Amino acid sequence: MIDWIAFVQVFGAALFASVFVVALYSLGIRFLATPKPAPRLADGSTAPNGPSRDAEDDDLEEDGRPAWATAGAYVCFGLSGVAVLIGIYLIVPALHG
């Protein structure tokens, strides 16, 4: 006989874990795409951030991304990697010792 409660629990845990890992990785990519803040004008408005970009101009300058965004991206990538490693540990019985 199938234990349906256990089946639903495993399904829920797998769904949550996959959404969690994908969300963390996506957030890390979003942090890497954070542009530098636009300069402020004397009247308090923001100036245009230079000419429009095309595919050839996608390289960021050294000051192109805030440091907090880079650190946040690395944290998100690290946490998603740890979650994947924990999942592999739980799946492979030989690792349980």
N, C-alpha and C. Protein backbone atom coordinates (compact mmCIF):
# COMPACT_ATOMS: atom_id res chain seq x y z
N MET A 1 0.84 -1.17 0.00
CA MET A 1 0.00 0.00 0.00
C MET A 1 0.90 1.26 0.00
N ILE A 2 0.47 2.28 -0.68
CA ILE A 2 1.23 3.53 -0.79
C ILE A 2 0.88 4.43 0.39
N ASP A 3 1.93 4.96 1.01
CA ASP A 3 1.74 5.93 2.09
C ASP A 3 1.62 7.32 1.45
N TRP A 4 0.40 7.78 1.21
CA TRP A 4 0.16 9.01 0.49
C TRP A 4 0.62 10.25 1.24
N ILE A 5 0.57 10.21 2.56
CA ILE A 5 1.05 11.36 3.35
C ILE A 5 2.55 11.54 3.15
N ALA A 6 3.30 10.46 3.17
CA ALA A 6 4.75 10.54 2.94
C ALA A 6 5.04 11.01 1.51
N PHE A 7 4.26 10.53 0.56
CA PHE A 7 4.43 10.95 -0.84
C PHE A 7 4.22 12.45 -0.98
N VAL A 8 3.18 12.97 -0.37
CA VAL A 8 2.90 14.41 -0.44
C VAL A 8 3.99 15.21 0.27
N GLN A 9 4.51 14.69 1.38
CA GLN A 9 5.58 15.39 2.09
C GLN A 9 6.84 15.47 1.23
N VAL A 10 7.21 14.37 0.58
CA VAL A 10 8.39 14.38 -0.29
C VAL A 10 8.18 15.32 -1.47
N PHE A 11 6.98 15.28 -2.05
CA PHE A 11 6.68 16.18 -3.17
C PHE A 11 6.78 17.64 -2.73
N GLY A 12 6.22 17.97 -1.58
CA GLY A 12 6.28 19.34 -1.08
C GLY A 12 7.69 19.80 -0.79
N ALA A 13 8.49 18.92 -0.18
CA ALA A 13 9.89 19.28 0.12
C ALA A 13 10.69 19.48 -1.16
N ALA A 14 10.47 18.62 -2.16
CA ALA A 14 11.19 18.76 -3.43
C ALA A 14 10.77 20.04 -4.16
N LEU A 15 9.49 20.34 -4.12
CA LEU A 15 9.01 21.56 -4.77
C LEU A 15 9.59 22.80 -4.08
N PHE A 16 9.55 22.82 -2.75
CA PHE A 16 10.10 23.96 -2.01
C PHE A 16 11.59 24.11 -2.28
N ALA A 17 12.34 23.01 -2.24
CA ALA A 17 13.79 23.08 -2.44
C ALA A 17 14.13 23.58 -3.84
N SER A 18 13.41 23.11 -4.84
CA SER A 18 13.72 23.56 -6.20
C SER A 18 13.39 25.03 -6.40
N VAL A 19 12.27 25.48 -5.86
CA VAL A 19 11.91 26.90 -5.96
C VAL A 19 12.93 27.75 -5.19
N PHE A 20 13.37 27.28 -4.03
CA PHE A 20 14.34 28.00 -3.21
C PHE A 20 15.66 28.17 -3.95
N VAL A 21 16.18 27.09 -4.54
CA VAL A 21 17.47 27.16 -5.24
C VAL A 21 17.37 28.06 -6.47
N VAL A 22 16.31 27.92 -7.24
CA VAL A 22 16.15 28.74 -8.45
C VAL A 22 15.98 30.21 -8.08
N ALA A 23 15.23 30.49 -7.01
CA ALA A 23 15.03 31.88 -6.59
C ALA A 23 16.34 32.51 -6.11
N LEU A 24 17.14 31.77 -5.35
CA LEU A 24 18.42 32.31 -4.90
C LEU A 24 19.35 32.59 -6.08
N TYR A 25 19.42 31.66 -7.01
CA TYR A 25 20.29 31.86 -8.16
C TYR A 25 19.82 33.04 -9.01
N SER A 26 18.52 33.13 -9.21
CA SER A 26 17.97 34.26 -9.98
C SER A 26 18.23 35.59 -9.30
N LEU A 27 18.10 35.62 -7.98
CA LEU A 27 18.39 36.84 -7.24
C LEU A 27 19.86 37.22 -7.37
N GLY A 28 20.75 36.23 -7.36
CA GLY A 28 22.17 36.50 -7.56
C GLY A 28 22.45 37.10 -8.92
N ILE A 29 21.81 36.57 -9.95
CA ILE A 29 21.98 37.13 -11.30
C ILE A 29 21.43 38.56 -11.35
N ARG A 30 20.31 38.78 -10.68
CA ARG A 30 19.74 40.14 -10.66
C ARG A 30 20.67 41.12 -9.96
N PHE A 31 21.30 40.68 -8.87
CA PHE A 31 22.27 41.55 -8.19
C PHE A 31 23.44 41.88 -9.11
N LEU A 32 23.89 40.93 -9.92
CA LEU A 32 25.00 41.21 -10.84
C LEU A 32 24.61 42.19 -11.94
N ALA A 33 23.32 42.31 -12.21
CA ALA A 33 22.85 43.23 -13.25
C ALA A 33 22.50 44.60 -12.70
N THR A 34 22.77 44.84 -11.43
CA THR A 34 22.44 46.14 -10.82
C THR A 34 23.36 47.22 -11.37
N PRO A 35 22.82 48.26 -11.98
CA PRO A 35 23.67 49.32 -12.51
C PRO A 35 24.11 50.29 -11.41
N LYS A 36 25.10 51.10 -11.74
CA LYS A 36 25.51 52.12 -10.77
C LYS A 36 24.42 53.18 -10.69
N PRO A 37 24.31 53.86 -9.55
CA PRO A 37 23.27 54.88 -9.41
C PRO A 37 23.48 56.03 -10.39
N ALA A 38 22.38 56.58 -10.85
CA ALA A 38 22.45 57.73 -11.76
C ALA A 38 22.90 58.97 -10.97
N PRO A 39 23.72 59.82 -11.57
CA PRO A 39 24.16 61.03 -10.87
C PRO A 39 23.00 62.01 -10.64
N ARG A 40 23.06 62.72 -9.53
CA ARG A 40 22.03 63.70 -9.18
C ARG A 40 22.42 65.08 -9.71
N LEU A 41 21.42 65.79 -10.21
CA LEU A 41 21.63 67.17 -10.66
C LEU A 41 21.39 68.12 -9.49
N ALA A 42 21.65 69.39 -9.71
CA ALA A 42 21.50 70.38 -8.64
C ALA A 42 20.05 70.51 -8.17
N ASP A 43 19.08 70.27 -9.06
CA ASP A 43 17.68 70.40 -8.66
C ASP A 43 17.14 69.12 -8.00
N GLY A 44 17.98 68.11 -7.82
CA GLY A 44 17.56 66.88 -7.16
C GLY A 44 17.12 65.79 -8.09
N SER A 45 16.97 66.10 -9.37
CA SER A 45 16.58 65.05 -10.32
C SER A 45 17.81 64.26 -10.74
N THR A 46 17.58 63.15 -11.41
CA THR A 46 18.70 62.33 -11.85
C THR A 46 18.99 62.60 -13.31
N ALA A 47 20.26 62.61 -13.64
CA ALA A 47 20.69 62.84 -15.01
C ALA A 47 20.63 61.53 -15.78
N PRO A 48 20.49 61.59 -17.09
CA PRO A 48 20.57 60.36 -17.88
C PRO A 48 21.92 59.70 -17.64
N ASN A 49 21.91 58.39 -17.64
CA ASN A 49 23.12 57.63 -17.29
C ASN A 49 23.95 57.33 -18.52
N GLY A 50 24.14 58.30 -19.38
CA GLY A 50 24.96 58.13 -20.56
C GLY A 50 24.12 57.72 -21.76
N PRO A 51 24.78 57.46 -22.88
CA PRO A 51 24.04 57.07 -24.08
C PRO A 51 23.43 55.68 -23.92
N SER A 52 22.44 55.38 -24.76
CA SER A 52 21.84 54.06 -24.69
C SER A 52 22.87 53.00 -25.06
N ARG A 53 22.68 51.81 -24.49
CA ARG A 53 23.66 50.74 -24.67
C ARG A 53 23.18 49.77 -25.74
N ASP A 54 24.13 49.10 -26.37
CA ASP A 54 23.78 48.01 -27.27
C ASP A 54 24.57 46.78 -26.84
N ALA A 55 24.48 45.71 -27.59
CA ALA A 55 25.09 44.45 -27.19
C ALA A 55 26.62 44.54 -27.08
N GLU A 56 27.23 45.45 -27.81
CA GLU A 56 28.68 45.56 -27.78
C GLU A 56 29.18 46.31 -26.55
N ASP A 57 28.31 47.04 -25.87
CA ASP A 57 28.72 47.86 -24.73
C ASP A 57 28.31 47.25 -23.40
N ASP A 58 28.14 45.93 -23.33
CA ASP A 58 27.63 45.32 -22.10
C ASP A 58 28.68 45.10 -21.02
N ASP A 59 29.94 45.42 -21.27
CA ASP A 59 30.95 45.28 -20.23
C ASP A 59 30.76 46.38 -19.20
N LEU A 60 30.80 46.01 -17.93
CA LEU A 60 30.67 46.99 -16.85
C LEU A 60 32.02 47.64 -16.58
N GLU A 61 31.98 48.91 -16.28
CA GLU A 61 33.20 49.55 -15.84
C GLU A 61 33.51 49.07 -14.43
N GLU A 62 34.69 49.41 -13.95
CA GLU A 62 35.08 48.94 -12.62
C GLU A 62 34.14 49.45 -11.54
N ASP A 63 33.65 50.67 -11.68
CA ASP A 63 32.73 51.23 -10.69
C ASP A 63 31.28 51.06 -11.14
N GLY A 64 31.00 50.12 -12.03
CA GLY A 64 29.69 49.98 -12.62
C GLY A 64 28.64 49.33 -11.74
N ARG A 65 29.02 48.62 -10.69
CA ARG A 65 28.06 47.94 -9.84
C ARG A 65 28.41 48.26 -8.39
N PRO A 66 27.39 48.55 -7.57
CA PRO A 66 27.68 48.80 -6.15
C PRO A 66 28.28 47.56 -5.48
N ALA A 67 29.11 47.79 -4.50
CA ALA A 67 29.77 46.67 -3.80
C ALA A 67 28.75 45.78 -3.08
N TRP A 68 27.67 46.38 -2.57
CA TRP A 68 26.67 45.56 -1.87
C TRP A 68 25.99 44.59 -2.83
N ALA A 69 25.84 45.00 -4.10
CA ALA A 69 25.20 44.12 -5.08
C ALA A 69 26.10 42.94 -5.43
N THR A 70 27.39 43.20 -5.55
CA THR A 70 28.33 42.12 -5.83
C THR A 70 28.39 41.15 -4.66
N ALA A 71 28.45 41.68 -3.44
CA ALA A 71 28.48 40.82 -2.26
C ALA A 71 27.19 40.02 -2.13
N GLY A 72 26.06 40.65 -2.40
CA GLY A 72 24.78 39.95 -2.35
C GLY A 72 24.69 38.83 -3.38
N ALA A 73 25.24 39.07 -4.57
CA ALA A 73 25.24 38.04 -5.61
C ALA A 73 26.07 36.84 -5.17
N TYR A 74 27.25 37.11 -4.60
CA TYR A 74 28.09 36.01 -4.15
C TYR A 74 27.44 35.23 -3.01
N VAL A 75 26.75 35.91 -2.12
CA VAL A 75 26.05 35.22 -1.04
C VAL A 75 24.94 34.34 -1.60
N CYS A 76 24.18 34.87 -2.55
CA CYS A 76 23.09 34.08 -3.16
C CYS A 76 23.64 32.86 -3.89
N PHE A 77 24.70 33.04 -4.66
CA PHE A 77 25.29 31.90 -5.37
C PHE A 77 25.84 30.87 -4.38
N GLY A 78 26.46 31.34 -3.31
CA GLY A 78 26.98 30.42 -2.30
C GLY A 78 25.88 29.63 -1.62
N LEU A 79 24.80 30.31 -1.24
CA LEU A 79 23.70 29.62 -0.57
C LEU A 79 23.01 28.62 -1.51
N SER A 80 22.87 28.98 -2.78
CA SER A 80 22.25 28.02 -3.70
C SER A 80 23.17 26.82 -3.92
N GLY A 81 24.47 27.04 -3.93
CA GLY A 81 25.42 25.92 -4.04
C GLY A 81 25.37 25.02 -2.82
N VAL A 82 25.28 25.62 -1.63
CA VAL A 82 25.18 24.82 -0.41
C VAL A 82 23.89 24.01 -0.40
N ALA A 83 22.80 24.60 -0.85
CA ALA A 83 21.53 23.87 -0.90
C ALA A 83 21.62 22.69 -1.86
N VAL A 84 22.29 22.86 -2.99
CA VAL A 84 22.47 21.75 -3.93
C VAL A 84 23.33 20.66 -3.31
N LEU A 85 24.40 21.03 -2.63
CA LEU A 85 25.26 20.03 -1.99
C LEU A 85 24.53 19.27 -0.89
N ILE A 86 23.69 19.95 -0.14
CA ILE A 86 22.90 19.27 0.90
C ILE A 86 21.93 18.29 0.24
N GLY A 87 21.33 18.69 -0.86
CA GLY A 87 20.43 17.79 -1.59
C GLY A 87 21.15 16.56 -2.09
N ILE A 88 22.34 16.73 -2.63
CA ILE A 88 23.12 15.58 -3.09
C ILE A 88 23.48 14.68 -1.92
N TYR A 89 23.85 15.26 -0.79
CA TYR A 89 24.16 14.49 0.41
C TYR A 89 22.95 13.66 0.85
N LEU A 90 21.78 14.25 0.80
CA LEU A 90 20.57 13.53 1.23
C LEU A 90 20.17 12.43 0.25
N ILE A 91 20.48 12.59 -1.03
CA ILE A 91 20.09 11.61 -2.03
C ILE A 91 21.04 10.42 -2.09
N VAL A 92 22.35 10.65 -1.96
CA VAL A 92 23.35 9.58 -2.14
C VAL A 92 23.57 8.87 -0.80
N PRO A 93 23.17 7.62 -0.68
CA PRO A 93 23.31 6.91 0.59
C PRO A 93 24.76 6.65 1.00
N ALA A 94 25.66 6.56 0.04
CA ALA A 94 27.06 6.28 0.35
C ALA A 94 27.72 7.41 1.14
N LEU A 95 27.16 8.60 1.08
CA LEU A 95 27.73 9.74 1.79
C LEU A 95 27.33 9.80 3.26
N HIS A 96 26.37 8.99 3.66
CA HIS A 96 25.87 9.05 5.04
C HIS A 96 26.77 8.31 6.02
N GLY A 97 27.72 7.54 5.53
CA GLY A 97 28.70 6.88 6.38
C GLY A 97 28.19 5.77 7.13
